[in-house]
């Protein structure tokens, strides 16, 4: 039997479930994080229509619902985003990219 969805109060387009994306806010019925939509809109300057092309599994109401949730919880979501960027930077520092190493001609000359 499927676990019940945990919809976010006052927003039928967003849910949080521990087994989906570590409990992050996602668009209901998808694994798409609210932050994925918000970053495309805020940082990349994409319109909702462009986001629909990039994430074709989403509808316009879902995108607007995600953005509504983002703006209502902006401080917390921005904090989560910054923490994930730091986590990624730490992982990159520990694990150098094999592809970057192969493409870097200066490193290859010193082998």
C-alpha atoms as a PDB file:
ATOM      1  CA  UNK A   1       0.000   0.000   0.000  1.00  0.00           C
ATOM      2  CA  UNK A   2       1.375   3.414  -0.963  1.00  0.00           C
ATOM      3  CA  UNK A   3       2.212   5.869   1.755  1.00  0.00           C
ATOM      4  CA  UNK A   4      -0.068   8.887   1.958  1.00  0.00           C
ATOM      5  CA  UNK A   5       1.213  12.043   0.364  1.00  0.00           C
ATOM      6  CA  UNK A   6       2.074  14.891   2.644  1.00  0.00           C
ATOM      7  CA  UNK A   7       0.786  17.932   0.804  1.00  0.00           C
ATOM      8  CA  UNK A   8       1.934  21.279   1.979  1.00  0.00           C
ATOM      9  CA  UNK A   9      -0.854  23.210   3.633  1.00  0.00           C
ATOM     10  CA  UNK A  10      -2.533  25.755   1.338  1.00  0.00           C
ATOM     11  CA  UNK A  11      -0.601  24.569  -1.724  1.00  0.00           C
ATOM     12  CA  UNK A  12      -1.946  21.505  -3.554  1.00  0.00           C
ATOM     13  CA  UNK A  13       0.987  21.606  -5.968  1.00  0.00           C
ATOM     14  CA  UNK A  14       3.715  20.947  -3.380  1.00  0.00           C
ATOM     15  CA  UNK A  15       4.354  17.973  -1.121  1.00  0.00           C
ATOM     16  CA  UNK A  16       7.046  16.723   1.230  1.00  0.00           C
ATOM     17  CA  UNK A  17       7.685  13.032   1.788  1.00  0.00           C
ATOM     18  CA  UNK A  18      10.782  11.585   3.457  1.00  0.00           C
ATOM     19  CA  UNK A  19      11.155   8.939   0.734  1.00  0.00           C
ATOM     20  CA  UNK A  20      11.110  11.493  -2.106  1.00  0.00           C
ATOM     21  CA  UNK A  21      14.218  13.663  -2.542  1.00  0.00           C
ATOM     22  CA  UNK A  22      15.087  13.356   1.146  1.00  0.00           C
ATOM     23  CA  UNK A  23      11.937  15.139   2.223  1.00  0.00           C
ATOM     24  CA  UNK A  24      12.583  18.250   0.134  1.00  0.00           C
ATOM     25  CA  UNK A  25       9.607  20.203  -1.186  1.00  0.00           C
ATOM     26  CA  UNK A  26       8.659  18.682  -4.536  1.00  0.00           C
ATOM     27  CA  UNK A  27       5.880  19.251  -7.019  1.00  0.00           C
ATOM     28  CA  UNK A  28       3.044  16.891  -6.136  1.00  0.00           C
ATOM     29  CA  UNK A  29       3.200  13.586  -7.983  1.00  0.00           C
ATOM     30  CA  UNK A  30       6.687  14.231  -9.349  1.00  0.00           C
ATOM     31  CA  UNK A  31      10.235  14.094  -8.082  1.00  0.00           C
ATOM     32  CA  UNK A  32      10.881  17.639  -9.286  1.00  0.00           C
ATOM     33  CA  UNK A  33      12.107  19.872  -6.497  1.00  0.00           C
ATOM     34  CA  UNK A  34      10.532  23.262  -5.965  1.00  0.00           C
ATOM     35  CA  UNK A  35      14.090  24.609  -5.914  1.00  0.00           C
ATOM     36  CA  UNK A  36      14.691  23.242  -9.440  1.00  0.00           C
ATOM     37  CA  UNK A  37      11.863  25.437 -10.683  1.00  0.00           C
ATOM     38  CA  UNK A  38      12.797  28.444  -8.526  1.00  0.00           C
ATOM     39  CA  UNK A  39      16.437  28.409  -9.651  1.00  0.00           C
ATOM     40  CA  UNK A  40      15.419  28.329 -13.292  1.00  0.00           C
ATOM     41  CA  UNK A  41      13.077  31.256 -12.724  1.00  0.00           C
ATOM     42  CA  UNK A  42      15.149  33.383 -10.338  1.00  0.00           C
ATOM     43  CA  UNK A  43      18.747  32.639 -11.293  1.00  0.00           C
ATOM     44  CA  UNK A  44      18.510  31.579 -14.921  1.00  0.00           C
ATOM     45  CA  UNK A  45      15.779  34.086 -15.794  1.00  0.00           C
ATOM     46  CA  UNK A  46      13.546  31.511 -17.467  1.00  0.00           C
ATOM     47  CA  UNK A  47       9.861  32.221 -17.967  1.00  0.00           C
ATOM     48  CA  UNK A  48       7.254  29.656 -16.850  1.00  0.00           C
ATOM     49  CA  UNK A  49       6.848  28.695 -20.499  1.00  0.00           C
ATOM     50  CA  UNK A  50      10.598  28.098 -20.866  1.00  0.00           C
ATOM     51  CA  UNK A  51      10.545  26.038 -17.676  1.00  0.00           C
ATOM     52  CA  UNK A  52       7.753  23.934 -19.212  1.00  0.00           C
ATOM     53  CA  UNK A  53      10.042  23.225 -22.177  1.00  0.00           C
ATOM     54  CA  UNK A  54      12.983  22.359 -19.897  1.00  0.00           C
ATOM     55  CA  UNK A  55      10.803  20.270 -17.553  1.00  0.00           C
ATOM     56  CA  UNK A  56       8.045  18.946 -19.828  1.00  0.00           C
ATOM     57  CA  UNK A  57       6.537  16.790 -17.084  1.00  0.00           C
ATOM     58  CA  UNK A  58       5.277  19.982 -15.395  1.00  0.00           C
ATOM     59  CA  UNK A  59       2.197  22.025 -16.150  1.00  0.00           C
ATOM     60  CA  UNK A  60       1.868  25.790 -15.915  1.00  0.00           C
ATOM     61  CA  UNK A  61      -0.226  25.553 -12.698  1.00  0.00           C
ATOM     62  CA  UNK A  62       2.410  23.279 -11.134  1.00  0.00           C
ATOM     63  CA  UNK A  63       5.156  25.775 -11.981  1.00  0.00           C
ATOM     64  CA  UNK A  64       3.190  28.678 -10.558  1.00  0.00           C
ATOM     65  CA  UNK A  65       2.369  26.608  -7.472  1.00  0.00           C
ATOM     66  CA  UNK A  66       6.058  25.830  -6.988  1.00  0.00           C
ATOM     67  CA  UNK A  67       6.999  29.491  -7.361  1.00  0.00           C
ATOM     68  CA  UNK A  68       4.261  30.493  -4.926  1.00  0.00           C
ATOM     69  CA  UNK A  69       5.642  28.020  -2.386  1.00  0.00           C
ATOM     70  CA  UNK A  70       9.182  29.259  -3.010  1.00  0.00           C
ATOM     71  CA  UNK A  71       8.299  32.886  -2.351  1.00  0.00           C
ATOM     72  CA  UNK A  72       6.302  31.972   0.759  1.00  0.00           C
ATOM     73  CA  UNK A  73       9.333  30.035   2.092  1.00  0.00           C
ATOM     74  CA  UNK A  74      12.181  31.895   0.378  1.00  0.00           C
ATOM     75  CA  UNK A  75      14.530  32.273   3.352  1.00  0.00           C
ATOM     76  CA  UNK A  76      14.421  28.565   4.219  1.00  0.00           C
ATOM     77  CA  UNK A  77      14.718  27.363   0.634  1.00  0.00           C
ATOM     78  CA  UNK A  78      17.588  29.762  -0.116  1.00  0.00           C
ATOM     79  CA  UNK A  79      19.357  28.422   2.981  1.00  0.00           C
ATOM     80  CA  UNK A  80      18.872  24.841   1.737  1.00  0.00           C
ATOM     81  CA  UNK A  81      20.156  25.809  -1.705  1.00  0.00           C
ATOM     82  CA  UNK A  82      23.305  27.441  -0.286  1.00  0.00           C
ATOM     83  CA  UNK A  83      23.947  24.369   1.879  1.00  0.00           C
ATOM     84  CA  UNK A  84      23.653  22.107  -1.184  1.00  0.00           C
ATOM     85  CA  UNK A  85      26.100  24.324  -3.123  1.00  0.00           C
ATOM     86  CA  UNK A  86      28.600  24.004  -0.264  1.00  0.00           C
ATOM     87  CA  UNK A  87      28.092  20.239  -0.165  1.00  0.00           C
ATOM     88  CA  UNK A  88      28.727  20.021  -3.925  1.00  0.00           C
ATOM     89  CA  UNK A  89      31.890  22.145  -3.616  1.00  0.00           C
ATOM     90  CA  UNK A  90      33.207  19.834  -0.876  1.00  0.00           C
ATOM     91  CA  UNK A  91      32.512  16.770  -3.018  1.00  0.00           C
ATOM     92  CA  UNK A  92      34.221  18.323  -6.029  1.00  0.00           C
ATOM     93  CA  UNK A  93      37.273  19.170  -3.944  1.00  0.00           C
ATOM     94  CA  UNK A  94      37.498  15.568  -2.706  1.00  0.00           C
ATOM     95  CA  UNK A  95      36.812  13.928  -6.058  1.00  0.00           C
ATOM     96  CA  UNK A  96      38.472  15.555  -9.045  1.00  0.00           C
ATOM     97  CA  UNK A  97      36.683  15.201 -12.354  1.00  0.00           C
ATOM     98  CA  UNK A  98      38.277  12.604 -14.618  1.00  0.00           C
ATOM     99  CA  UNK A  99      36.802  14.371 -17.651  1.00  0.00           C
ATOM    100  CA  UNK A 100      38.227  17.768 -16.636  1.00  0.00           C
ATOM    101  CA  UNK A 101      41.586  16.132 -16.074  1.00  0.00           C
ATOM    102  CA  UNK A 102      41.540  14.565 -19.541  1.00  0.00           C
ATOM    103  CA  UNK A 103      40.483  17.826 -21.153  1.00  0.00           C
ATOM    104  CA  UNK A 104      43.031  19.992 -19.341  1.00  0.00           C
ATOM    105  CA  UNK A 105      46.042  20.173 -21.717  1.00  0.00           C
ATOM    106  CA  UNK A 106      48.398  21.662 -19.116  1.00  0.00           C
ATOM    107  CA  UNK A 107      47.853  18.797 -16.690  1.00  0.00           C
ATOM    108  CA  UNK A 108      48.268  16.295 -19.490  1.00  0.00           C
ATOM    109  CA  UNK A 109      51.655  17.792 -20.494  1.00  0.00           C
ATOM    110  CA  UNK A 110      53.035  17.194 -17.001  1.00  0.00           C
ATOM    111  CA  UNK A 111      52.307  13.446 -17.000  1.00  0.00           C
END
